[in-house]
């Protein structure tokens, strides 16, 4: 007798591509959440999801790479597997991080703000031969390490465990942070938002960086203390910053970060909706296939670590 296909609920308002991905993965779409063994949720509101989780639930897929808003009793005190999208957005976010990294090195913030033809407005540096310190060795950090190494830079990736990160020239543990800050030509933040990482880039952190180094953040805005960053820039303690995420977010019109001559800001677009949607569909297809086959899922969340 053929085994029944697992029932998966999609919500809210599923895209046609998601419906097809579930079927291609060997599952069926449940019309009601109460009938489902799995829920694939791509809404932004955890409250709406938490109210209706079925007692039969064995797997919950959420759409974000960062899971801070999903770590709540309704999702972690139950006997089901929670998966996030941390495994799929790496290359596209890393590509944006690379653009942000190259911008300050090539003087783009200064040149773009100049109202006259001014070749002396900024110093242009090549990434070749530089040491790029990447904080976080997940999908984004690993993809970025490969990219900067291909351009002739030295990629140094720090993780909490010090595990070997594929694509990095050097893999180190968190205890090497201070020594590496003193040597890095650029620091790129690819960390998850956890109690340990929030606010970690502050006055002392910035004081350990080289005066000609640049800071890039594509992770979470509250990892960086904005006031301390502005002070370091104004006092010449670091050369520049490039940010896709900020605190506060969105930045109010006229905020000092938007006006600073050595800061490049993009409005949280490293993972735009159209790219995120396509990547999420791919993940859903693969995880449905694994769920139907009884295999380990991609992107399983370790709640104790917060990612």
C-alpha atoms as a PDB file:
ATOM      1  CA  UNK A   1       0.000   0.000   0.000  1.00  0.00           C
ATOM      2  CA  UNK A   2       1.308   3.454  -0.926  1.00  0.00           C
ATOM      3  CA  UNK A   3       2.159   5.643   2.076  1.00  0.00           C
ATOM      4  CA  UNK A   4       0.034   8.740   2.569  1.00  0.00           C
ATOM      5  CA  UNK A   5       1.736  12.001   1.681  1.00  0.00           C
ATOM      6  CA  UNK A   6       2.231  14.371   4.644  1.00  0.00           C
ATOM      7  CA  UNK A   7      -0.252  17.240   4.828  1.00  0.00           C
ATOM      8  CA  UNK A   8       1.282  20.709   4.827  1.00  0.00           C
ATOM      9  CA  UNK A   9      -0.565  23.967   5.544  1.00  0.00           C
ATOM     10  CA  UNK A  10       0.618  27.094   3.730  1.00  0.00           C
ATOM     11  CA  UNK A  11      -0.216  30.498   5.080  1.00  0.00           C
ATOM     12  CA  UNK A  12      -1.156  33.180   4.662  1.00  0.00           C
ATOM     13  CA  UNK A  13      -2.344  33.496   1.012  1.00  0.00           C
ATOM     14  CA  UNK A  14       0.113  31.092  -0.614  1.00  0.00           C
ATOM     15  CA  UNK A  15       1.828  31.958  -3.857  1.00  0.00           C
ATOM     16  CA  UNK A  16       1.289  29.547  -6.758  1.00  0.00           C
ATOM     17  CA  UNK A  17       5.002  28.669  -6.707  1.00  0.00           C
ATOM     18  CA  UNK A  18       4.710  27.488  -3.107  1.00  0.00           C
ATOM     19  CA  UNK A  19       1.755  25.269  -3.870  1.00  0.00           C
ATOM     20  CA  UNK A  20       3.736  23.680  -6.677  1.00  0.00           C
ATOM     21  CA  UNK A  21       6.848  23.329  -4.484  1.00  0.00           C
ATOM     22  CA  UNK A  22       4.904  21.387  -1.838  1.00  0.00           C
ATOM     23  CA  UNK A  23       3.564  18.998  -4.462  1.00  0.00           C
ATOM     24  CA  UNK A  24       6.967  18.592  -6.113  1.00  0.00           C
ATOM     25  CA  UNK A  25       8.406  17.828  -2.685  1.00  0.00           C
ATOM     26  CA  UNK A  26       6.066  14.904  -2.236  1.00  0.00           C
ATOM     27  CA  UNK A  27       3.543  16.458   0.182  1.00  0.00           C
ATOM     28  CA  UNK A  28      -0.075  17.556  -0.077  1.00  0.00           C
ATOM     29  CA  UNK A  29      -1.564  20.945   0.779  1.00  0.00           C
ATOM     30  CA  UNK A  30      -3.888  20.903   3.786  1.00  0.00           C
ATOM     31  CA  UNK A  31      -6.897  23.248   3.455  1.00  0.00           C
ATOM     32  CA  UNK A  32      -6.976  23.834   7.223  1.00  0.00           C
ATOM     33  CA  UNK A  33      -4.083  24.344   9.616  1.00  0.00           C
ATOM     34  CA  UNK A  34      -5.758  22.008  12.114  1.00  0.00           C
ATOM     35  CA  UNK A  35      -5.384  19.133   9.620  1.00  0.00           C
ATOM     36  CA  UNK A  36      -1.663  19.625   9.010  1.00  0.00           C
ATOM     37  CA  UNK A  37       1.440  17.779  10.147  1.00  0.00           C
ATOM     38  CA  UNK A  38       3.566  20.710   8.960  1.00  0.00           C
ATOM     39  CA  UNK A  39       3.075  24.461   8.616  1.00  0.00           C
ATOM     40  CA  UNK A  40       5.053  26.569   6.169  1.00  0.00           C
ATOM     41  CA  UNK A  41       4.559  30.170   7.202  1.00  0.00           C
ATOM     42  CA  UNK A  42       5.695  33.155   5.173  1.00  0.00           C
ATOM     43  CA  UNK A  43       3.747  35.848   7.004  1.00  0.00           C
ATOM     44  CA  UNK A  44       5.515  38.499   9.047  1.00  0.00           C
ATOM     45  CA  UNK A  45       3.358  38.242  12.188  1.00  0.00           C
ATOM     46  CA  UNK A  46       4.203  35.486  14.705  1.00  0.00           C
ATOM     47  CA  UNK A  47       1.054  36.314  16.701  1.00  0.00           C
ATOM     48  CA  UNK A  48      -1.237  35.250  13.874  1.00  0.00           C
ATOM     49  CA  UNK A  49       0.566  31.927  13.607  1.00  0.00           C
ATOM     50  CA  UNK A  50       0.874  31.205  17.327  1.00  0.00           C
ATOM     51  CA  UNK A  51      -2.898  31.333  17.846  1.00  0.00           C
ATOM     52  CA  UNK A  52      -3.669  28.355  15.637  1.00  0.00           C
ATOM     53  CA  UNK A  53      -0.830  25.813  15.709  1.00  0.00           C
ATOM     54  CA  UNK A  54      -2.298  22.287  15.466  1.00  0.00           C
ATOM     55  CA  UNK A  55      -1.642  19.660  18.133  1.00  0.00           C
ATOM     56  CA  UNK A  56      -0.521  17.274  15.366  1.00  0.00           C
ATOM     57  CA  UNK A  57       2.294  19.590  14.243  1.00  0.00           C
ATOM     58  CA  UNK A  58       5.665  17.926  13.571  1.00  0.00           C
ATOM     59  CA  UNK A  59       7.412  20.686  11.599  1.00  0.00           C
ATOM     60  CA  UNK A  60       7.163  24.496  11.416  1.00  0.00           C
ATOM     61  CA  UNK A  61       9.021  26.426   8.689  1.00  0.00           C
ATOM     62  CA  UNK A  62       9.408  30.202   9.145  1.00  0.00           C
ATOM     63  CA  UNK A  63      10.566  32.575   6.386  1.00  0.00           C
ATOM     64  CA  UNK A  64      13.404  34.473   8.053  1.00  0.00           C
ATOM     65  CA  UNK A  65      17.095  33.749   8.491  1.00  0.00           C
ATOM     66  CA  UNK A  66      17.102  35.572  11.824  1.00  0.00           C
ATOM     67  CA  UNK A  67      14.741  33.933  14.276  1.00  0.00           C
ATOM     68  CA  UNK A  68      14.717  36.354  17.194  1.00  0.00           C
ATOM     69  CA  UNK A  69      11.018  37.189  16.805  1.00  0.00           C
ATOM     70  CA  UNK A  70      10.110  33.501  16.451  1.00  0.00           C
ATOM     71  CA  UNK A  71      11.797  32.378  19.689  1.00  0.00           C
ATOM     72  CA  UNK A  72       8.697  32.383  21.851  1.00  0.00           C
ATOM     73  CA  UNK A  73       7.042  29.742  24.067  1.00  0.00           C
ATOM     74  CA  UNK A  74       4.415  28.795  21.483  1.00  0.00           C
ATOM     75  CA  UNK A  75       7.174  27.712  19.092  1.00  0.00           C
ATOM     76  CA  UNK A  76       9.909  26.355  21.359  1.00  0.00           C
ATOM     77  CA  UNK A  77       8.029  24.572  24.145  1.00  0.00           C
ATOM     78  CA  UNK A  78       6.372  22.137  21.756  1.00  0.00           C
ATOM     79  CA  UNK A  79       7.562  18.795  20.392  1.00  0.00           C
ATOM     80  CA  UNK A  80       8.097  19.779  16.750  1.00  0.00           C
ATOM     81  CA  UNK A  81      11.035  20.797  14.585  1.00  0.00           C
ATOM     82  CA  UNK A  82      11.451  24.528  13.928  1.00  0.00           C
ATOM     83  CA  UNK A  83      13.321  25.469  10.750  1.00  0.00           C
ATOM     84  CA  UNK A  84      14.314  28.891   9.460  1.00  0.00           C
ATOM     85  CA  UNK A  85      15.708  30.141   6.161  1.00  0.00           C
ATOM     86  CA  UNK A  86      19.305  30.621   7.305  1.00  0.00           C
ATOM     87  CA  UNK A  87      20.607  28.094   4.786  1.00  0.00           C
ATOM     88  CA  UNK A  88      19.402  29.788   1.586  1.00  0.00           C
ATOM     89  CA  UNK A  89      19.970  33.535   1.592  1.00  0.00           C
ATOM     90  CA  UNK A  90      23.754  33.460   1.948  1.00  0.00           C
ATOM     91  CA  UNK A  91      24.996  34.090  -1.609  1.00  0.00           C
ATOM     92  CA  UNK A  92      22.597  36.939  -2.426  1.00  0.00           C
ATOM     93  CA  UNK A  93      23.228  38.782   0.857  1.00  0.00           C
ATOM     94  CA  UNK A  94      26.973  38.166   0.554  1.00  0.00           C
ATOM     95  CA  UNK A  95      26.912  39.743  -2.920  1.00  0.00           C
ATOM     96  CA  UNK A  96      25.380  42.891  -1.445  1.00  0.00           C
ATOM     97  CA  UNK A  97      27.923  42.808   1.400  1.00  0.00           C
ATOM     98  CA  UNK A  98      30.699  42.686  -1.173  1.00  0.00           C
ATOM     99  CA  UNK A  99      29.267  45.742  -2.920  1.00  0.00           C
ATOM    100  CA  UNK A 100      29.098  47.592   0.409  1.00  0.00           C
ATOM    101  CA  UNK A 101      32.672  46.563   1.196  1.00  0.00           C
ATOM    102  CA  UNK A 102      34.048  47.740  -2.145  1.00  0.00           C
ATOM    103  CA  UNK A 103      32.158  51.053  -1.939  1.00  0.00           C
ATOM    104  CA  UNK A 104      34.163  52.697   0.883  1.00  0.00           C
ATOM    105  CA  UNK A 105      37.428  51.140  -0.322  1.00  0.00           C
ATOM    106  CA  UNK A 106      36.901  52.871  -3.667  1.00  0.00           C
ATOM    107  CA  UNK A 107      35.712  56.154  -2.146  1.00  0.00           C
ATOM    108  CA  UNK A 108      32.153  55.875  -3.453  1.00  0.00           C
ATOM    109  CA  UNK A 109      30.470  57.676  -0.508  1.00  0.00           C
ATOM    110  CA  UNK A 110      32.689  60.741  -0.980  1.00  0.00           C
ATOM    111  CA  UNK A 111      32.644  60.727  -4.791  1.00  0.00           C
ATOM    112  CA  UNK A 112      28.863  60.259  -4.976  1.00  0.00           C
ATOM    113  CA  UNK A 113      28.254  63.237  -2.655  1.00  0.00           C
ATOM    114  CA  UNK A 114      30.636  65.567  -4.470  1.00  0.00           C
ATOM    115  CA  UNK A 115      28.963  68.326  -6.495  1.00  0.00           C
ATOM    116  CA  UNK A 116      32.104  68.871  -8.585  1.00  0.00           C
ATOM    117  CA  UNK A 117      34.604  66.788 -10.546  1.00  0.00           C
ATOM    118  CA  UNK A 118      36.960  66.060  -7.657  1.00  0.00           C
ATOM    119  CA  UNK A 119      39.408  63.154  -8.058  1.00  0.00           C
ATOM    120  CA  UNK A 120      40.991  64.059  -4.710  1.00  0.00           C
ATOM    121  CA  UNK A 121      37.735  63.731  -2.745  1.00  0.00           C
ATOM    122  CA  UNK A 122      38.697  60.268  -1.496  1.00  0.00           C
ATOM    123  CA  UNK A 123      41.487  57.713  -1.450  1.00  0.00           C
ATOM    124  CA  UNK A 124      40.882  54.665  -3.650  1.00  0.00           C
ATOM    125  CA  UNK A 125      42.139  51.309  -2.389  1.00  0.00           C
ATOM    126  CA  UNK A 126      42.147  47.882  -3.997  1.00  0.00           C
ATOM    127  CA  UNK A 127      40.790  44.963  -2.003  1.00  0.00           C
ATOM    128  CA  UNK A 128      43.644  42.824  -3.288  1.00  0.00           C
ATOM    129  CA  UNK A 129      46.076  42.031  -0.482  1.00  0.00           C
ATOM    130  CA  UNK A 130      43.808  43.329   2.297  1.00  0.00           C
ATOM    131  CA  UNK A 131      42.723  41.353   5.355  1.00  0.00           C
ATOM    132  CA  UNK A 132      38.935  41.099   5.606  1.00  0.00           C
ATOM    133  CA  UNK A 133      37.564  40.037   8.999  1.00  0.00           C
ATOM    134  CA  UNK A 134      34.144  38.400   8.715  1.00  0.00           C
ATOM    135  CA  UNK A 135      32.202  37.948  11.942  1.00  0.00           C
ATOM    136  CA  UNK A 136      29.927  34.942  11.534  1.00  0.00           C
ATOM    137  CA  UNK A 137      30.472  31.834   9.457  1.00  0.00           C
ATOM    138  CA  UNK A 138      26.939  30.947   8.413  1.00  0.00           C
ATOM    139  CA  UNK A 139      25.705  31.039   4.838  1.00  0.00           C
ATOM    140  CA  UNK A 140      26.426  34.754   4.371  1.00  0.00           C
ATOM    141  CA  UNK A 141      29.859  34.758   5.997  1.00  0.00           C
ATOM    142  CA  UNK A 142      31.012  31.632   4.177  1.00  0.00           C
ATOM    143  CA  UNK A 143      29.813  32.912   0.792  1.00  0.00           C
ATOM    144  CA  UNK A 144      31.462  36.301   1.359  1.00  0.00           C
ATOM    145  CA  UNK A 145      34.752  34.657   2.383  1.00  0.00           C
ATOM    146  CA  UNK A 146      34.907  32.854  -0.959  1.00  0.00           C
ATOM    147  CA  UNK A 147      34.122  36.062  -2.830  1.00  0.00           C
ATOM    148  CA  UNK A 148      36.790  38.232  -1.200  1.00  0.00           C
ATOM    149  CA  UNK A 149      39.385  35.462  -1.446  1.00  0.00           C
ATOM    150  CA  UNK A 150      38.668  35.204  -5.180  1.00  0.00           C
ATOM    151  CA  UNK A 151      39.463  38.935  -5.441  1.00  0.00           C
ATOM    152  CA  UNK A 152      42.867  38.430  -3.829  1.00  0.00           C
ATOM    153  CA  UNK A 153      42.038  39.444  -0.250  1.00  0.00           C
ATOM    154  CA  UNK A 154      42.694  37.356   2.850  1.00  0.00           C
ATOM    155  CA  UNK A 155      39.433  36.215   4.422  1.00  0.00           C
ATOM    156  CA  UNK A 156      39.425  35.614   8.183  1.00  0.00           C
ATOM    157  CA  UNK A 157      36.159  34.228   9.572  1.00  0.00           C
ATOM    158  CA  UNK A 158      35.366  34.184  13.293  1.00  0.00           C
ATOM    159  CA  UNK A 159      32.719  31.881  14.733  1.00  0.00           C
ATOM    160  CA  UNK A 160      31.794  31.134  18.319  1.00  0.00           C
ATOM    161  CA  UNK A 161      33.130  27.587  18.074  1.00  0.00           C
ATOM    162  CA  UNK A 162      36.147  28.290  15.876  1.00  0.00           C
ATOM    163  CA  UNK A 163      35.046  25.614  13.406  1.00  0.00           C
ATOM    164  CA  UNK A 164      36.569  25.484   9.947  1.00  0.00           C
ATOM    165  CA  UNK A 165      34.466  27.590   7.567  1.00  0.00           C
ATOM    166  CA  UNK A 166      34.462  26.430   3.976  1.00  0.00           C
ATOM    167  CA  UNK A 167      35.813  29.154   1.689  1.00  0.00           C
ATOM    168  CA  UNK A 168      37.719  31.045   4.398  1.00  0.00           C
ATOM    169  CA  UNK A 169      41.474  31.446   4.284  1.00  0.00           C
ATOM    170  CA  UNK A 170      41.561  31.456   8.093  1.00  0.00           C
ATOM    171  CA  UNK A 171      38.936  30.193  10.563  1.00  0.00           C
ATOM    172  CA  UNK A 172      39.183  31.271  14.206  1.00  0.00           C
ATOM    173  CA  UNK A 173      37.155  31.306  17.403  1.00  0.00           C
ATOM    174  CA  UNK A 174      35.581  34.298  19.100  1.00  0.00           C
ATOM    175  CA  UNK A 175      38.514  34.596  21.514  1.00  0.00           C
ATOM    176  CA  UNK A 176      40.634  35.873  18.601  1.00  0.00           C
ATOM    177  CA  UNK A 177      38.409  38.926  18.047  1.00  0.00           C
ATOM    178  CA  UNK A 178      40.546  41.645  19.608  1.00  0.00           C
ATOM    179  CA  UNK A 179      43.768  40.562  17.900  1.00  0.00           C
ATOM    180  CA  UNK A 180      42.030  40.298  14.539  1.00  0.00           C
ATOM    181  CA  UNK A 181      40.342  43.693  14.865  1.00  0.00           C
ATOM    182  CA  UNK A 182      43.774  45.271  15.177  1.00  0.00           C
ATOM    183  CA  UNK A 183      44.910  43.628  11.935  1.00  0.00           C
ATOM    184  CA  UNK A 184      41.793  43.883   9.756  1.00  0.00           C
ATOM    185  CA  UNK A 185      41.438  46.338   6.879  1.00  0.00           C
ATOM    186  CA  UNK A 186      37.684  45.797   6.952  1.00  0.00           C
ATOM    187  CA  UNK A 187      35.238  44.185   9.375  1.00  0.00           C
ATOM    188  CA  UNK A 188      32.028  42.677   8.011  1.00  0.00           C
ATOM    189  CA  UNK A 189      29.231  41.737  10.440  1.00  0.00           C
ATOM    190  CA  UNK A 190      27.291  38.615   9.421  1.00  0.00           C
ATOM    191  CA  UNK A 191      26.146  37.583  12.884  1.00  0.00           C
ATOM    192  CA  UNK A 192      22.731  36.504  14.121  1.00  0.00           C
ATOM    193  CA  UNK A 193      20.941  38.774  16.570  1.00  0.00           C
ATOM    194  CA  UNK A 194      21.326  37.230  20.021  1.00  0.00           C
ATOM    195  CA  UNK A 195      21.683  38.678  23.531  1.00  0.00           C
ATOM    196  CA  UNK A 196      25.443  38.226  23.127  1.00  0.00           C
ATOM    197  CA  UNK A 197      25.718  40.101  19.808  1.00  0.00           C
ATOM    198  CA  UNK A 198      23.340  43.006  20.380  1.00  0.00           C
ATOM    199  CA  UNK A 199      25.357  46.161  20.985  1.00  0.00           C
ATOM    200  CA  UNK A 200      28.717  44.366  20.639  1.00  0.00           C
ATOM    201  CA  UNK A 201      30.072  46.948  18.185  1.00  0.00           C
ATOM    202  CA  UNK A 202      30.570  49.832  20.575  1.00  0.00           C
ATOM    203  CA  UNK A 203      33.252  52.308  21.592  1.00  0.00           C
ATOM    204  CA  UNK A 204      35.863  49.767  22.690  1.00  0.00           C
ATOM    205  CA  UNK A 205      35.282  47.492  19.681  1.00  0.00           C
ATOM    206  CA  UNK A 206      35.691  50.441  17.313  1.00  0.00           C
ATOM    207  CA  UNK A 207      38.795  51.688  19.163  1.00  0.00           C
ATOM    208  CA  UNK A 208      40.514  48.365  18.410  1.00  0.00           C
ATOM    209  CA  UNK A 209      40.037  48.784  14.658  1.00  0.00           C
ATOM    210  CA  UNK A 210      42.687  50.356  12.436  1.00  0.00           C
ATOM    211  CA  UNK A 211      42.154  54.056  11.575  1.00  0.00           C
ATOM    212  CA  UNK A 212      42.001  53.175   7.864  1.00  0.00           C
ATOM    213  CA  UNK A 213      39.613  50.227   8.340  1.00  0.00           C
ATOM    214  CA  UNK A 214      35.961  50.176   7.306  1.00  0.00           C
ATOM    215  CA  UNK A 215      32.940  48.579   8.986  1.00  0.00           C
ATOM    216  CA  UNK A 216      30.198  46.766   7.037  1.00  0.00           C
ATOM    217  CA  UNK A 217      26.936  45.490   8.547  1.00  0.00           C
ATOM    218  CA  UNK A 218      24.483  43.217   6.696  1.00  0.00           C
ATOM    219  CA  UNK A 219      23.204  41.419   9.816  1.00  0.00           C
ATOM    220  CA  UNK A 220      21.045  43.341  12.311  1.00  0.00           C
ATOM    221  CA  UNK A 221      21.136  47.046  13.034  1.00  0.00           C
ATOM    222  CA  UNK A 222      21.197  46.740  16.820  1.00  0.00           C
ATOM    223  CA  UNK A 223      24.497  44.846  16.748  1.00  0.00           C
ATOM    224  CA  UNK A 224      26.107  48.280  16.205  1.00  0.00           C
ATOM    225  CA  UNK A 225      25.795  51.166  18.658  1.00  0.00           C
ATOM    226  CA  UNK A 226      24.948  53.967  16.233  1.00  0.00           C
ATOM    227  CA  UNK A 227      26.125  56.842  18.431  1.00  0.00           C
ATOM    228  CA  UNK A 228      29.473  55.173  19.110  1.00  0.00           C
ATOM    229  CA  UNK A 229      29.903  54.537  15.386  1.00  0.00           C
ATOM    230  CA  UNK A 230      29.228  58.177  14.517  1.00  0.00           C
ATOM    231  CA  UNK A 231      31.728  59.325  17.160  1.00  0.00           C
ATOM    232  CA  UNK A 232      34.398  56.959  15.796  1.00  0.00           C
ATOM    233  CA  UNK A 233      33.821  58.270  12.274  1.00  0.00           C
ATOM    234  CA  UNK A 234      33.849  61.928  13.331  1.00  0.00           C
ATOM    235  CA  UNK A 235      37.040  61.442  15.344  1.00  0.00           C
ATOM    236  CA  UNK A 236      38.788  59.579  12.523  1.00  0.00           C
ATOM    237  CA  UNK A 237      39.146  56.360  14.516  1.00  0.00           C
ATOM    238  CA  UNK A 238      37.842  54.349  11.543  1.00  0.00           C
ATOM    239  CA  UNK A 239      37.817  55.298   7.875  1.00  0.00           C
ATOM    240  CA  UNK A 240      34.214  54.568   6.920  1.00  0.00           C
ATOM    241  CA  UNK A 241      31.121  52.433   7.256  1.00  0.00           C
ATOM    242  CA  UNK A 242      28.670  50.749   4.894  1.00  0.00           C
ATOM    243  CA  UNK A 243      25.355  49.606   6.347  1.00  0.00           C
ATOM    244  CA  UNK A 244      22.347  47.737   5.005  1.00  0.00           C
ATOM    245  CA  UNK A 245      20.821  47.570   8.493  1.00  0.00           C
ATOM    246  CA  UNK A 246      20.694  50.308  11.105  1.00  0.00           C
ATOM    247  CA  UNK A 247      19.441  51.229  14.559  1.00  0.00           C
ATOM    248  CA  UNK A 248      16.919  52.773  14.421  1.00  0.00           C
ATOM    249  CA  UNK A 249      15.372  51.266  11.313  1.00  0.00           C
ATOM    250  CA  UNK A 250      14.145  52.820   9.171  1.00  0.00           C
ATOM    251  CA  UNK A 251      16.381  55.821   9.678  1.00  0.00           C
ATOM    252  CA  UNK A 252      14.477  59.111  10.040  1.00  0.00           C
ATOM    253  CA  UNK A 253      14.913  61.571   7.190  1.00  0.00           C
ATOM    254  CA  UNK A 254      18.070  63.613   7.690  1.00  0.00           C
ATOM    255  CA  UNK A 255      19.617  61.191  10.201  1.00  0.00           C
ATOM    256  CA  UNK A 256      23.394  61.748  10.668  1.00  0.00           C
ATOM    257  CA  UNK A 257      24.175  58.354   9.132  1.00  0.00           C
ATOM    258  CA  UNK A 258      22.424  59.399   5.932  1.00  0.00           C
ATOM    259  CA  UNK A 259      24.342  62.680   5.810  1.00  0.00           C
ATOM    260  CA  UNK A 260      27.769  61.476   6.889  1.00  0.00           C
ATOM    261  CA  UNK A 261      30.370  61.879   4.104  1.00  0.00           C
ATOM    262  CA  UNK A 262      32.060  58.549   4.850  1.00  0.00           C
ATOM    263  CA  UNK A 263      28.988  56.389   5.328  1.00  0.00           C
ATOM    264  CA  UNK A 264      27.191  54.371   2.669  1.00  0.00           C
ATOM    265  CA  UNK A 265      23.646  53.292   3.602  1.00  0.00           C
ATOM    266  CA  UNK A 266      21.270  51.008   1.717  1.00  0.00           C
ATOM    267  CA  UNK A 267      17.707  50.578   3.076  1.00  0.00           C
ATOM    268  CA  UNK A 268      17.773  46.887   4.131  1.00  0.00           C
ATOM    269  CA  UNK A 269      17.737  45.616   0.541  1.00  0.00           C
ATOM    270  CA  UNK A 270      20.490  42.973   0.646  1.00  0.00           C
ATOM    271  CA  UNK A 271      17.733  40.360   0.422  1.00  0.00           C
ATOM    272  CA  UNK A 272      14.922  42.021  -1.575  1.00  0.00           C
ATOM    273  CA  UNK A 273      11.475  40.397  -1.670  1.00  0.00           C
ATOM    274  CA  UNK A 274      11.728  39.052  -5.221  1.00  0.00           C
ATOM    275  CA  UNK A 275      15.029  37.258  -4.511  1.00  0.00           C
ATOM    276  CA  UNK A 276      13.883  36.115  -1.083  1.00  0.00           C
ATOM    277  CA  UNK A 277      10.690  34.675  -2.543  1.00  0.00           C
ATOM    278  CA  UNK A 278      12.482  32.554  -5.147  1.00  0.00           C
ATOM    279  CA  UNK A 279      14.981  31.244  -2.599  1.00  0.00           C
ATOM    280  CA  UNK A 280      12.233  30.415  -0.100  1.00  0.00           C
ATOM    281  CA  UNK A 281      10.343  28.394  -2.719  1.00  0.00           C
ATOM    282  CA  UNK A 282      13.491  26.359  -3.377  1.00  0.00           C
ATOM    283  CA  UNK A 283      13.893  25.680   0.356  1.00  0.00           C
ATOM    284  CA  UNK A 284      10.242  24.656   0.732  1.00  0.00           C
ATOM    285  CA  UNK A 285      10.544  22.165  -2.125  1.00  0.00           C
ATOM    286  CA  UNK A 286      13.655  20.575  -0.626  1.00  0.00           C
ATOM    287  CA  UNK A 287      12.379  20.485   2.942  1.00  0.00           C
ATOM    288  CA  UNK A 288       9.065  18.979   1.845  1.00  0.00           C
ATOM    289  CA  UNK A 289      11.012  16.273   0.035  1.00  0.00           C
ATOM    290  CA  UNK A 290      13.045  15.610   3.169  1.00  0.00           C
ATOM    291  CA  UNK A 291       9.980  15.690   5.420  1.00  0.00           C
ATOM    292  CA  UNK A 292       8.128  13.184   3.231  1.00  0.00           C
ATOM    293  CA  UNK A 293      11.201  10.911   3.192  1.00  0.00           C
ATOM    294  CA  UNK A 294      11.826  11.169   6.935  1.00  0.00           C
ATOM    295  CA  UNK A 295      15.215  12.849   6.391  1.00  0.00           C
ATOM    296  CA  UNK A 296      16.817  15.690   8.414  1.00  0.00           C
ATOM    297  CA  UNK A 297      15.508  19.113   7.406  1.00  0.00           C
ATOM    298  CA  UNK A 298      17.578  22.103   6.314  1.00  0.00           C
ATOM    299  CA  UNK A 299      17.811  25.156   8.573  1.00  0.00           C
ATOM    300  CA  UNK A 300      16.925  23.464  11.883  1.00  0.00           C
ATOM    301  CA  UNK A 301      16.976  26.076  14.673  1.00  0.00           C
ATOM    302  CA  UNK A 302      19.036  25.595  17.818  1.00  0.00           C
ATOM    303  CA  UNK A 303      16.866  27.623  20.181  1.00  0.00           C
ATOM    304  CA  UNK A 304      19.515  27.736  22.926  1.00  0.00           C
ATOM    305  CA  UNK A 305      21.961  29.414  20.551  1.00  0.00           C
ATOM    306  CA  UNK A 306      19.335  31.633  18.962  1.00  0.00           C
ATOM    307  CA  UNK A 307      19.982  30.580  15.354  1.00  0.00           C
END
